[in-house]
C-alpha atoms as a PDB file:
ATOM      1  CA  UNK A   1     115.925 -97.785  21.946  1.00  0.00           C
ATOM      2  CA  UNK A   2     115.134 -97.426  18.261  1.00  0.00           C
ATOM      3  CA  UNK A   3     118.124 -97.686  15.877  1.00  0.00           C
ATOM      4  CA  UNK A   4     119.336 -94.354  14.470  1.00  0.00           C
ATOM      5  CA  UNK A   5     117.853 -93.192  11.186  1.00  0.00           C
ATOM      6  CA  UNK A   6     120.966 -93.076   9.007  1.00  0.00           C
ATOM      7  CA  UNK A   7     119.440 -91.060   6.112  1.00  0.00           C
ATOM      8  CA  UNK A   8     118.158 -88.463   8.574  1.00  0.00           C
ATOM      9  CA  UNK A   9     121.566 -88.274  10.275  1.00  0.00           C
ATOM     10  CA  UNK A  10     123.220 -87.712   6.901  1.00  0.00           C
ATOM     11  CA  UNK A  11     120.767 -84.912   6.121  1.00  0.00           C
ATOM     12  CA  UNK A  12     121.493 -83.243   9.446  1.00  0.00           C
ATOM     13  CA  UNK A  13     125.249 -83.501   8.875  1.00  0.00           C
ATOM     14  CA  UNK A  14     124.810 -82.027   5.392  1.00  0.00           C
ATOM     15  CA  UNK A  15     122.696 -79.151   6.704  1.00  0.00           C
ATOM     16  CA  UNK A  16     125.395 -78.226   9.207  1.00  0.00           C
ATOM     17  CA  UNK A  17     128.271 -78.361   6.720  1.00  0.00           C
ATOM     18  CA  UNK A  18     126.906 -76.966   3.444  1.00  0.00           C
ATOM     19  CA  UNK A  19     127.269 -73.376   4.582  1.00  0.00           C
ATOM     20  CA  UNK A  20     130.935 -73.776   5.507  1.00  0.00           C
ATOM     21  CA  UNK A  21     131.723 -75.801   2.386  1.00  0.00           C
ATOM     22  CA  UNK A  22     129.967 -73.787  -0.324  1.00  0.00           C
ATOM     23  CA  UNK A  23     129.285 -70.326   1.146  1.00  0.00           C
ATOM     24  CA  UNK A  24     129.931 -67.462   1.028  1.00  0.00           C
ATOM     25  CA  UNK A  25     130.261 -67.460  -2.759  1.00  0.00           C
ATOM     26  CA  UNK A  26     131.447 -64.105  -4.156  1.00  0.00           C
ATOM     27  CA  UNK A  27     131.343 -62.884  -7.744  1.00  0.00           C
ATOM     28  CA  UNK A  28     133.533 -59.813  -8.001  1.00  0.00           C
ATOM     29  CA  UNK A  29     132.612 -57.727 -11.035  1.00  0.00           C
ATOM     30  CA  UNK A  30     134.791 -57.146 -14.080  1.00  0.00           C
ATOM     31  CA  UNK A  31     133.603 -53.615 -14.891  1.00  0.00           C
ATOM     32  CA  UNK A  32     136.523 -51.931 -13.176  1.00  0.00           C
ATOM     33  CA  UNK A  33     137.920 -51.034  -9.790  1.00  0.00           C
ATOM     34  CA  UNK A  34     137.601 -47.999  -7.577  1.00  0.00           C
ATOM     35  CA  UNK A  35     140.469 -46.357  -5.756  1.00  0.00           C
ATOM     36  CA  UNK A  36     141.032 -47.137  -2.090  1.00  0.00           C
ATOM     37  CA  UNK A  37     139.908 -44.334   0.256  1.00  0.00           C
ATOM     38  CA  UNK A  38     137.960 -42.667  -2.580  1.00  0.00           C
ATOM     39  CA  UNK A  39     134.469 -41.190  -2.281  1.00  0.00           C
ATOM     40  CA  UNK A  40     133.232 -44.338  -4.075  1.00  0.00           C
ATOM     41  CA  UNK A  41     134.552 -46.512  -1.259  1.00  0.00           C
ATOM     42  CA  UNK A  42     133.185 -44.147   1.386  1.00  0.00           C
ATOM     43  CA  UNK A  43     129.732 -44.228  -0.217  1.00  0.00           C
ATOM     44  CA  UNK A  44     129.759 -48.019  -0.545  1.00  0.00           C
ATOM     45  CA  UNK A  45     130.817 -48.478   3.072  1.00  0.00           C
ATOM     46  CA  UNK A  46     128.069 -46.144   4.255  1.00  0.00           C
ATOM     47  CA  UNK A  47     125.373 -47.894   2.230  1.00  0.00           C
ATOM     48  CA  UNK A  48     126.365 -51.383   3.349  1.00  0.00           C
ATOM     49  CA  UNK A  49     126.706 -50.267   6.958  1.00  0.00           C
ATOM     50  CA  UNK A  50     123.154 -48.923   6.921  1.00  0.00           C
ATOM     51  CA  UNK A  51     121.835 -52.507   6.871  1.00  0.00           C
ATOM     52  CA  UNK A  52     122.557 -52.768  10.593  1.00  0.00           C
ATOM     53  CA  UNK A  53     120.657 -49.591  11.481  1.00  0.00           C
ATOM     54  CA  UNK A  54     117.835 -49.191   8.945  1.00  0.00           C
ATOM     55  CA  UNK A  55     114.257 -49.154  10.222  1.00  0.00           C
ATOM     56  CA  UNK A  56     112.755 -49.866   6.799  1.00  0.00           C
ATOM     57  CA  UNK A  57     109.592 -51.959   6.732  1.00  0.00           C
ATOM     58  CA  UNK A  58     110.877 -53.982   3.789  1.00  0.00           C
ATOM     59  CA  UNK A  59     113.780 -55.406   5.811  1.00  0.00           C
ATOM     60  CA  UNK A  60     111.256 -56.825   8.279  1.00  0.00           C
ATOM     61  CA  UNK A  61     110.064 -59.029   5.421  1.00  0.00           C
ATOM     62  CA  UNK A  62     113.487 -59.893   4.036  1.00  0.00           C
ATOM     63  CA  UNK A  63     114.391 -57.165   1.538  1.00  0.00           C
ATOM     64  CA  UNK A  64     116.704 -54.166   1.645  1.00  0.00           C
ATOM     65  CA  UNK A  65     117.587 -51.626  -1.025  1.00  0.00           C
ATOM     66  CA  UNK A  66     119.231 -48.237  -0.942  1.00  0.00           C
ATOM     67  CA  UNK A  67     121.197 -45.925  -3.216  1.00  0.00           C
ATOM     68  CA  UNK A  68     123.288 -42.783  -3.050  1.00  0.00           C
ATOM     69  CA  UNK A  69     125.168 -40.455  -5.346  1.00  0.00           C
ATOM     70  CA  UNK A  70     128.953 -40.722  -5.190  1.00  0.00           C
ATOM     71  CA  UNK A  71     130.244 -37.317  -4.136  1.00  0.00           C
ATOM     72  CA  UNK A  72     132.253 -35.500  -6.776  1.00  0.00           C
ATOM     73  CA  UNK A  73     131.205 -37.865  -9.585  1.00  0.00           C
ATOM     74  CA  UNK A  74     128.194 -38.494 -11.808  1.00  0.00           C
ATOM     75  CA  UNK A  75     127.854 -42.047 -10.465  1.00  0.00           C
ATOM     76  CA  UNK A  76     125.118 -43.522  -8.276  1.00  0.00           C
ATOM     77  CA  UNK A  77     125.668 -46.611  -6.143  1.00  0.00           C
ATOM     78  CA  UNK A  78     122.849 -49.145  -5.691  1.00  0.00           C
ATOM     79  CA  UNK A  79     122.696 -51.858  -3.011  1.00  0.00           C
ATOM     80  CA  UNK A  80     120.228 -54.743  -2.689  1.00  0.00           C
ATOM     81  CA  UNK A  81     119.993 -57.360   0.034  1.00  0.00           C
ATOM     82  CA  UNK A  82     117.469 -60.206   0.100  1.00  0.00           C
ATOM     83  CA  UNK A  83     116.827 -63.028   2.561  1.00  0.00           C
ATOM     84  CA  UNK A  84     115.016 -66.330   2.388  1.00  0.00           C
ATOM     85  CA  UNK A  85     111.356 -65.745   3.123  1.00  0.00           C
ATOM     86  CA  UNK A  86     111.307 -67.920   6.237  1.00  0.00           C
ATOM     87  CA  UNK A  87     113.853 -65.834   8.166  1.00  0.00           C
ATOM     88  CA  UNK A  88     112.821 -63.593  11.022  1.00  0.00           C
ATOM     89  CA  UNK A  89     113.656 -59.893  10.730  1.00  0.00           C
ATOM     90  CA  UNK A  90     116.476 -60.318  13.250  1.00  0.00           C
ATOM     91  CA  UNK A  91     117.979 -63.316  11.424  1.00  0.00           C
ATOM     92  CA  UNK A  92     117.704 -61.539   8.092  1.00  0.00           C
ATOM     93  CA  UNK A  93     119.486 -58.441   9.354  1.00  0.00           C
ATOM     94  CA  UNK A  94     122.259 -60.602  10.861  1.00  0.00           C
ATOM     95  CA  UNK A  95     122.710 -62.520   7.594  1.00  0.00           C
ATOM     96  CA  UNK A  96     122.823 -59.378   5.469  1.00  0.00           C
ATOM     97  CA  UNK A  97     125.145 -57.612   7.882  1.00  0.00           C
ATOM     98  CA  UNK A  98     127.605 -60.530   7.819  1.00  0.00           C
ATOM     99  CA  UNK A  99     127.361 -60.727   4.020  1.00  0.00           C
ATOM    100  CA  UNK A 100     128.016 -57.000   3.708  1.00  0.00           C
ATOM    101  CA  UNK A 101     131.263 -57.485   5.633  1.00  0.00           C
ATOM    102  CA  UNK A 102     132.162 -60.527   3.522  1.00  0.00           C
ATOM    103  CA  UNK A 103     131.562 -58.770   0.211  1.00  0.00           C
ATOM    104  CA  UNK A 104     133.907 -55.925   1.196  1.00  0.00           C
ATOM    105  CA  UNK A 105     136.548 -58.406   2.305  1.00  0.00           C
ATOM    106  CA  UNK A 106     136.284 -60.711  -0.715  1.00  0.00           C
ATOM    107  CA  UNK A 107     135.739 -58.018  -3.382  1.00  0.00           C
ATOM    108  CA  UNK A 108     137.716 -55.155  -1.826  1.00  0.00           C
ATOM    109  CA  UNK A 109     137.949 -52.745  -4.768  1.00  0.00           C
ATOM    110  CA  UNK A 110     135.478 -53.951  -7.397  1.00  0.00           C
ATOM    111  CA  UNK A 111     132.865 -51.446  -8.572  1.00  0.00           C
ATOM    112  CA  UNK A 112     130.184 -54.137  -8.552  1.00  0.00           C
ATOM    113  CA  UNK A 113     129.815 -57.502  -6.846  1.00  0.00           C
ATOM    114  CA  UNK A 114     127.374 -60.235  -5.799  1.00  0.00           C
ATOM    115  CA  UNK A 115     127.786 -62.420  -2.729  1.00  0.00           C
ATOM    116  CA  UNK A 116     125.660 -65.520  -2.126  1.00  0.00           C
ATOM    117  CA  UNK A 117     125.249 -66.869   1.393  1.00  0.00           C
ATOM    118  CA  UNK A 118     123.151 -69.858   2.376  1.00  0.00           C
ATOM    119  CA  UNK A 119     120.231 -67.704   3.540  1.00  0.00           C
ATOM    120  CA  UNK A 120     120.729 -64.310   1.900  1.00  0.00           C
ATOM    121  CA  UNK A 121     122.269 -62.432  -1.015  1.00  0.00           C
ATOM    122  CA  UNK A 122     123.944 -59.009  -1.122  1.00  0.00           C
ATOM    123  CA  UNK A 123     124.897 -57.144  -4.293  1.00  0.00           C
ATOM    124  CA  UNK A 124     125.898 -53.658  -5.320  1.00  0.00           C
ATOM    125  CA  UNK A 125     126.520 -51.855  -8.599  1.00  0.00           C
ATOM    126  CA  UNK A 126     126.991 -48.421 -10.083  1.00  0.00           C
ATOM    127  CA  UNK A 127     124.328 -49.292 -12.675  1.00  0.00           C
ATOM    128  CA  UNK A 128     120.699 -49.336 -11.572  1.00  0.00           C
ATOM    129  CA  UNK A 129     119.613 -52.773 -10.351  1.00  0.00           C
ATOM    130  CA  UNK A 130     116.267 -51.806  -8.827  1.00  0.00           C
ATOM    131  CA  UNK A 131     113.243 -53.472 -10.415  1.00  0.00           C
ATOM    132  CA  UNK A 132     115.279 -55.201 -13.114  1.00  0.00           C
ATOM    133  CA  UNK A 133     115.711 -58.932 -13.737  1.00  0.00           C
ATOM    134  CA  UNK A 134     119.313 -60.049 -13.218  1.00  0.00           C
ATOM    135  CA  UNK A 135     120.067 -63.740 -13.723  1.00  0.00           C
ATOM    136  CA  UNK A 136     123.862 -63.587 -13.927  1.00  0.00           C
ATOM    137  CA  UNK A 137     126.111 -64.435 -12.281  1.00  0.00           C
ATOM    138  CA  UNK A 138     124.316 -67.589 -11.179  1.00  0.00           C
ATOM    139  CA  UNK A 139     125.379 -70.203  -8.657  1.00  0.00           C
ATOM    140  CA  UNK A 140     124.332 -73.854  -8.860  1.00  0.00           C
ATOM    141  CA  UNK A 141     124.542 -76.631  -6.297  1.00  0.00           C
ATOM    142  CA  UNK A 142     123.312 -80.178  -6.881  1.00  0.00           C
ATOM    143  CA  UNK A 143     123.249 -83.404  -4.922  1.00  0.00           C
ATOM    144  CA  UNK A 144     125.441 -86.112  -6.469  1.00  0.00           C
ATOM    145  CA  UNK A 145     122.734 -88.748  -5.898  1.00  0.00           C
ATOM    146  CA  UNK A 146     120.078 -89.540  -8.501  1.00  0.00           C
ATOM    147  CA  UNK A 147     116.459 -90.423  -7.846  1.00  0.00           C
ATOM    148  CA  UNK A 148     114.966 -93.716  -8.921  1.00  0.00           C
ATOM    149  CA  UNK A 149     112.130 -93.519 -11.488  1.00  0.00           C
ATOM    150  CA  UNK A 150     113.281 -90.095 -12.723  1.00  0.00           C
ATOM    151  CA  UNK A 151     110.412 -89.692 -15.201  1.00  0.00           C
ATOM    152  CA  UNK A 152     107.767 -90.001 -12.491  1.00  0.00           C
ATOM    153  CA  UNK A 153     109.809 -87.867 -10.106  1.00  0.00           C
ATOM    154  CA  UNK A 154     110.445 -85.095 -12.638  1.00  0.00           C
ATOM    155  CA  UNK A 155     106.762 -84.948 -13.621  1.00  0.00           C
ATOM    156  CA  UNK A 156     105.780 -84.393  -9.991  1.00  0.00           C
ATOM    157  CA  UNK A 157     108.610 -81.895  -9.495  1.00  0.00           C
ATOM    158  CA  UNK A 158     107.641 -79.882 -12.582  1.00  0.00           C
ATOM    159  CA  UNK A 159     104.023 -79.647 -11.435  1.00  0.00           C
ATOM    160  CA  UNK A 160     105.120 -78.510  -7.962  1.00  0.00           C
ATOM    161  CA  UNK A 161     107.539 -75.897  -9.323  1.00  0.00           C
ATOM    162  CA  UNK A 162     104.973 -74.555 -11.806  1.00  0.00           C
ATOM    163  CA  UNK A 163     102.540 -73.927  -8.962  1.00  0.00           C
ATOM    164  CA  UNK A 164     105.164 -72.318  -6.744  1.00  0.00           C
ATOM    165  CA  UNK A 165     106.319 -70.083  -9.584  1.00  0.00           C
ATOM    166  CA  UNK A 166     102.814 -68.657  -9.948  1.00  0.00           C
ATOM    167  CA  UNK A 167     102.442 -68.252  -6.184  1.00  0.00           C
ATOM    168  CA  UNK A 168     105.803 -66.526  -5.718  1.00  0.00           C
ATOM    169  CA  UNK A 169     105.318 -64.221  -8.713  1.00  0.00           C
ATOM    170  CA  UNK A 170     101.864 -63.276  -7.441  1.00  0.00           C
ATOM    171  CA  UNK A 171     103.271 -61.966  -4.160  1.00  0.00           C
ATOM    172  CA  UNK A 172     103.220 -58.291  -3.293  1.00  0.00           C
ATOM    173  CA  UNK A 173     105.912 -55.625  -3.008  1.00  0.00           C
ATOM    174  CA  UNK A 174     106.971 -56.925   0.432  1.00  0.00           C
ATOM    175  CA  UNK A 175     107.576 -60.581  -0.409  1.00  0.00           C
ATOM    176  CA  UNK A 176     107.582 -62.902  -3.413  1.00  0.00           C
ATOM    177  CA  UNK A 177     108.171 -66.316  -1.858  1.00  0.00           C
ATOM    178  CA  UNK A 178     106.482 -69.715  -1.976  1.00  0.00           C
ATOM    179  CA  UNK A 179     107.117 -73.188  -0.557  1.00  0.00           C
ATOM    180  CA  UNK A 180     105.381 -76.520  -0.961  1.00  0.00           C
ATOM    181  CA  UNK A 181     105.751 -80.270  -1.096  1.00  0.00           C
ATOM    182  CA  UNK A 182     104.439 -83.248  -3.012  1.00  0.00           C
ATOM    183  CA  UNK A 183     104.682 -87.012  -2.362  1.00  0.00           C
ATOM    184  CA  UNK A 184     105.951 -89.226  -5.182  1.00  0.00           C
ATOM    185  CA  UNK A 185     106.469 -92.917  -4.487  1.00  0.00           C
ATOM    186  CA  UNK A 186     108.803 -93.356  -1.531  1.00  0.00           C
ATOM    187  CA  UNK A 187     109.859 -89.705  -1.722  1.00  0.00           C
ATOM    188  CA  UNK A 188     108.495 -86.370  -0.648  1.00  0.00           C
ATOM    189  CA  UNK A 189     109.775 -83.407  -2.648  1.00  0.00           C
ATOM    190  CA  UNK A 190     110.099 -80.108  -0.778  1.00  0.00           C
ATOM    191  CA  UNK A 191     110.616 -76.968  -2.866  1.00  0.00           C
ATOM    192  CA  UNK A 192     111.015 -73.209  -2.576  1.00  0.00           C
ATOM    193  CA  UNK A 193     110.914 -70.388  -5.135  1.00  0.00           C
ATOM    194  CA  UNK A 194     111.610 -66.720  -4.484  1.00  0.00           C
ATOM    195  CA  UNK A 195     112.133 -63.405  -6.290  1.00  0.00           C
ATOM    196  CA  UNK A 196     113.228 -60.054  -4.963  1.00  0.00           C
ATOM    197  CA  UNK A 197     109.946 -58.203  -4.316  1.00  0.00           C
ATOM    198  CA  UNK A 198     110.913 -55.175  -6.415  1.00  0.00           C
ATOM    199  CA  UNK A 199     110.196 -57.233  -9.551  1.00  0.00           C
ATOM    200  CA  UNK A 200     106.846 -57.172 -11.319  1.00  0.00           C
ATOM    201  CA  UNK A 201     104.845 -60.379 -11.460  1.00  0.00           C
ATOM    202  CA  UNK A 202     105.880 -60.996 -15.068  1.00  0.00           C
ATOM    203  CA  UNK A 203     109.532 -60.226 -14.415  1.00  0.00           C
ATOM    204  CA  UNK A 204     109.513 -62.636 -11.483  1.00  0.00           C
ATOM    205  CA  UNK A 205     108.032 -65.347 -13.710  1.00  0.00           C
ATOM    206  CA  UNK A 206     110.676 -64.653 -16.348  1.00  0.00           C
ATOM    207  CA  UNK A 207     113.490 -64.877 -13.797  1.00  0.00           C
ATOM    208  CA  UNK A 208     112.229 -68.140 -12.314  1.00  0.00           C
ATOM    209  CA  UNK A 209     111.710 -69.611 -15.796  1.00  0.00           C
ATOM    210  CA  UNK A 210     115.354 -68.863 -16.645  1.00  0.00           C
ATOM    211  CA  UNK A 211     116.555 -70.476 -13.428  1.00  0.00           C
ATOM    212  CA  UNK A 212     114.334 -73.507 -14.038  1.00  0.00           C
ATOM    213  CA  UNK A 213     115.891 -74.041 -17.473  1.00  0.00           C
ATOM    214  CA  UNK A 214     119.309 -74.082 -15.825  1.00  0.00           C
ATOM    215  CA  UNK A 215     118.008 -76.750 -13.463  1.00  0.00           C
ATOM    216  CA  UNK A 216     116.816 -78.871 -16.396  1.00  0.00           C
ATOM    217  CA  UNK A 217     120.172 -78.586 -18.153  1.00  0.00           C
ATOM    218  CA  UNK A 218     122.464 -79.219 -15.186  1.00  0.00           C
ATOM    219  CA  UNK A 219     120.644 -81.291 -12.683  1.00  0.00           C
ATOM    220  CA  UNK A 220     117.550 -83.187 -13.885  1.00  0.00           C
ATOM    221  CA  UNK A 221     116.937 -86.283 -11.786  1.00  0.00           C
ATOM    222  CA  UNK A 222     119.113 -85.178  -8.860  1.00  0.00           C
ATOM    223  CA  UNK A 223     117.793 -85.603  -5.311  1.00  0.00           C
ATOM    224  CA  UNK A 224     118.433 -81.973  -4.465  1.00  0.00           C
ATOM    225  CA  UNK A 225     119.241 -78.766  -6.326  1.00  0.00           C
ATOM    226  CA  UNK A 226     119.746 -75.133  -5.386  1.00  0.00           C
ATOM    227  CA  UNK A 227     120.120 -72.588  -8.177  1.00  0.00           C
ATOM    228  CA  UNK A 228     120.639 -68.951  -7.252  1.00  0.00           C
ATOM    229  CA  UNK A 229     120.516 -65.813  -9.378  1.00  0.00           C
ATOM    230  CA  UNK A 230     120.740 -62.207  -8.154  1.00  0.00           C
ATOM    231  CA  UNK A 231     116.998 -61.655  -8.688  1.00  0.00           C
ATOM    232  CA  UNK A 232     115.529 -65.087  -7.918  1.00  0.00           C
ATOM    233  CA  UNK A 233     116.229 -68.642  -6.847  1.00  0.00           C
ATOM    234  CA  UNK A 234     114.843 -72.174  -6.787  1.00  0.00           C
ATOM    235  CA  UNK A 235     115.628 -75.008  -4.417  1.00  0.00           C
ATOM    236  CA  UNK A 236     114.215 -78.472  -3.931  1.00  0.00           C
ATOM    237  CA  UNK A 237     115.224 -81.409  -1.734  1.00  0.00           C
ATOM    238  CA  UNK A 238     114.067 -84.997  -1.357  1.00  0.00           C
ATOM    239  CA  UNK A 239     112.771 -86.120   2.050  1.00  0.00           C
ATOM    240  CA  UNK A 240     114.249 -82.993   3.660  1.00  0.00           C
ATOM    241  CA  UNK A 241     112.011 -80.091   4.632  1.00  0.00           C
ATOM    242  CA  UNK A 242     114.751 -77.477   4.508  1.00  0.00           C
ATOM    243  CA  UNK A 243     112.489 -74.459   5.042  1.00  0.00           C
ATOM    244  CA  UNK A 244     110.702 -73.240   8.161  1.00  0.00           C
ATOM    245  CA  UNK A 245     107.330 -71.526   8.497  1.00  0.00           C
ATOM    246  CA  UNK A 246     107.475 -67.880   7.464  1.00  0.00           C
ATOM    247  CA  UNK A 247     109.214 -65.950  10.223  1.00  0.00           C
ATOM    248  CA  UNK A 248     107.442 -62.616   9.681  1.00  0.00           C
ATOM    249  CA  UNK A 249     103.827 -62.926   8.499  1.00  0.00           C
ATOM    250  CA  UNK A 250     102.781 -60.187   6.102  1.00  0.00           C
ATOM    251  CA  UNK A 251     100.426 -57.482   7.422  1.00  0.00           C
ATOM    252  CA  UNK A 252      96.727 -57.975   6.626  1.00  0.00           C
ATOM    253  CA  UNK A 253      95.439 -56.243   3.479  1.00  0.00           C
ATOM    254  CA  UNK A 254      93.551 -52.944   3.924  1.00  0.00           C
ATOM    255  CA  UNK A 255      89.786 -53.287   4.391  1.00  0.00           C
ATOM    256  CA  UNK A 256      87.773 -53.411   1.199  1.00  0.00           C
ATOM    257  CA  UNK A 257      85.866 -50.286   0.204  1.00  0.00           C
ATOM    258  CA  UNK A 258      82.105 -50.323   0.753  1.00  0.00           C
ATOM    259  CA  UNK A 259      79.791 -50.472  -2.295  1.00  0.00           C
ATOM    260  CA  UNK A 260      78.850 -46.809  -1.703  1.00  0.00           C
ATOM    261  CA  UNK A 261      82.525 -45.761  -1.732  1.00  0.00           C
ATOM    262  CA  UNK A 262      83.115 -47.708  -4.921  1.00  0.00           C
ATOM    263  CA  UNK A 263      80.127 -46.014  -6.586  1.00  0.00           C
ATOM    264  CA  UNK A 264      80.487 -42.455  -5.376  1.00  0.00           C
ATOM    265  CA  UNK A 265      84.018 -42.201  -4.015  1.00  0.00           C
ATOM    266  CA  UNK A 266      84.625 -40.354  -0.773  1.00  0.00           C
ATOM    267  CA  UNK A 267      82.120 -37.569  -0.004  1.00  0.00           C
ATOM    268  CA  UNK A 268      83.672 -34.114   0.094  1.00  0.00           C
ATOM    269  CA  UNK A 269      82.387 -31.208   2.180  1.00  0.00           C
ATOM    270  CA  UNK A 270      80.572 -28.531   0.144  1.00  0.00           C
ATOM    271  CA  UNK A 271      82.748 -25.686  -1.061  1.00  0.00           C
ATOM    272  CA  UNK A 272      81.781 -22.067  -0.560  1.00  0.00           C
ATOM    273  CA  UNK A 273      83.868 -20.851  -3.480  1.00  0.00           C
ATOM    274  CA  UNK A 274      83.723 -21.790  -7.143  1.00  0.00           C
ATOM    275  CA  UNK A 275      86.349 -24.305  -8.242  1.00  0.00           C
ATOM    276  CA  UNK A 276      87.980 -25.063 -11.547  1.00  0.00           C
ATOM    277  CA  UNK A 277      89.614 -28.295 -12.553  1.00  0.00           C
ATOM    278  CA  UNK A 278      91.740 -29.388 -15.451  1.00  0.00           C
ATOM    279  CA  UNK A 279      92.435 -32.963 -16.604  1.00  0.00           C
ATOM    280  CA  UNK A 280      95.806 -33.815 -17.996  1.00  0.00           C
ATOM    281  CA  UNK A 281      96.383 -36.520 -19.824  1.00  0.00           C
ATOM    282  CA  UNK A 282     128.522 -72.548 -12.542  1.00  0.00           C
ATOM    283  CA  UNK A 283     127.797 -75.710 -10.929  1.00  0.00           C
ATOM    284  CA  UNK A 284     129.035 -77.246  -7.621  1.00  0.00           C
ATOM    285  CA  UNK A 285     128.009 -80.690  -6.348  1.00  0.00           C
ATOM    286  CA  UNK A 286     127.587 -81.894  -2.791  1.00  0.00           C
ATOM    287  CA  UNK A 287     127.792 -85.389  -1.412  1.00  0.00           C
ATOM    288  CA  UNK A 288     125.704 -85.629   1.754  1.00  0.00           C
END
């Protein structure tokens, strides 16, 4: 029998314990509290509960958003949930549903909150959060171990992350997610970058660039880092492929228009009547 691979065993132990040790991580807002049993609480409960029942296409690919007016007030509540891009629809819904329960338990009366779980994020606010870059509050985790030859390692890592940033930002309105790997010496670096898909390409790039700068400041040369923000996140690990193949492949793009359609548009049946038209213009560290 071959001797056990100690580094691999340590990675497996770490993978099974990181969630319990570091998640869920709540950030309960400081913009005020609502009153228990108020229409605000009723609206929030209804919105978060809808995660378990929604039939929205976006949740199939790891994203959920909804909003509702708060009865008897001028306020609107907004909720966003996002999952890692490799989760299946079922796993994503389960993660978001559990996080929705956790955020109510851990931030019981706050008007806004963010809750990070290992595989998903849930947040709500009475200020619009749809389509806007939000990088705070952030959550940072880094391995306590350093790589050897950090200059060579960091050069390879930067090149990998630059490519993944462009790939993730170039995703469509269903998913902005990219993974990849690169060998460097005795190591293989595995990395993931993701934005919520309601962001524009440029806003996704901006979010990931902000998160990357946090990585440079806190954790350069570490063997693994995970930095989360409400709108985007970056993670990399050394010799540990922490991501799976995409659980829900995106639907194929619509067929391209024929040259005749591009030139003339769609033919319309002749009209029997005249027509008129008008144009109008904080950092935590793990020890695996």
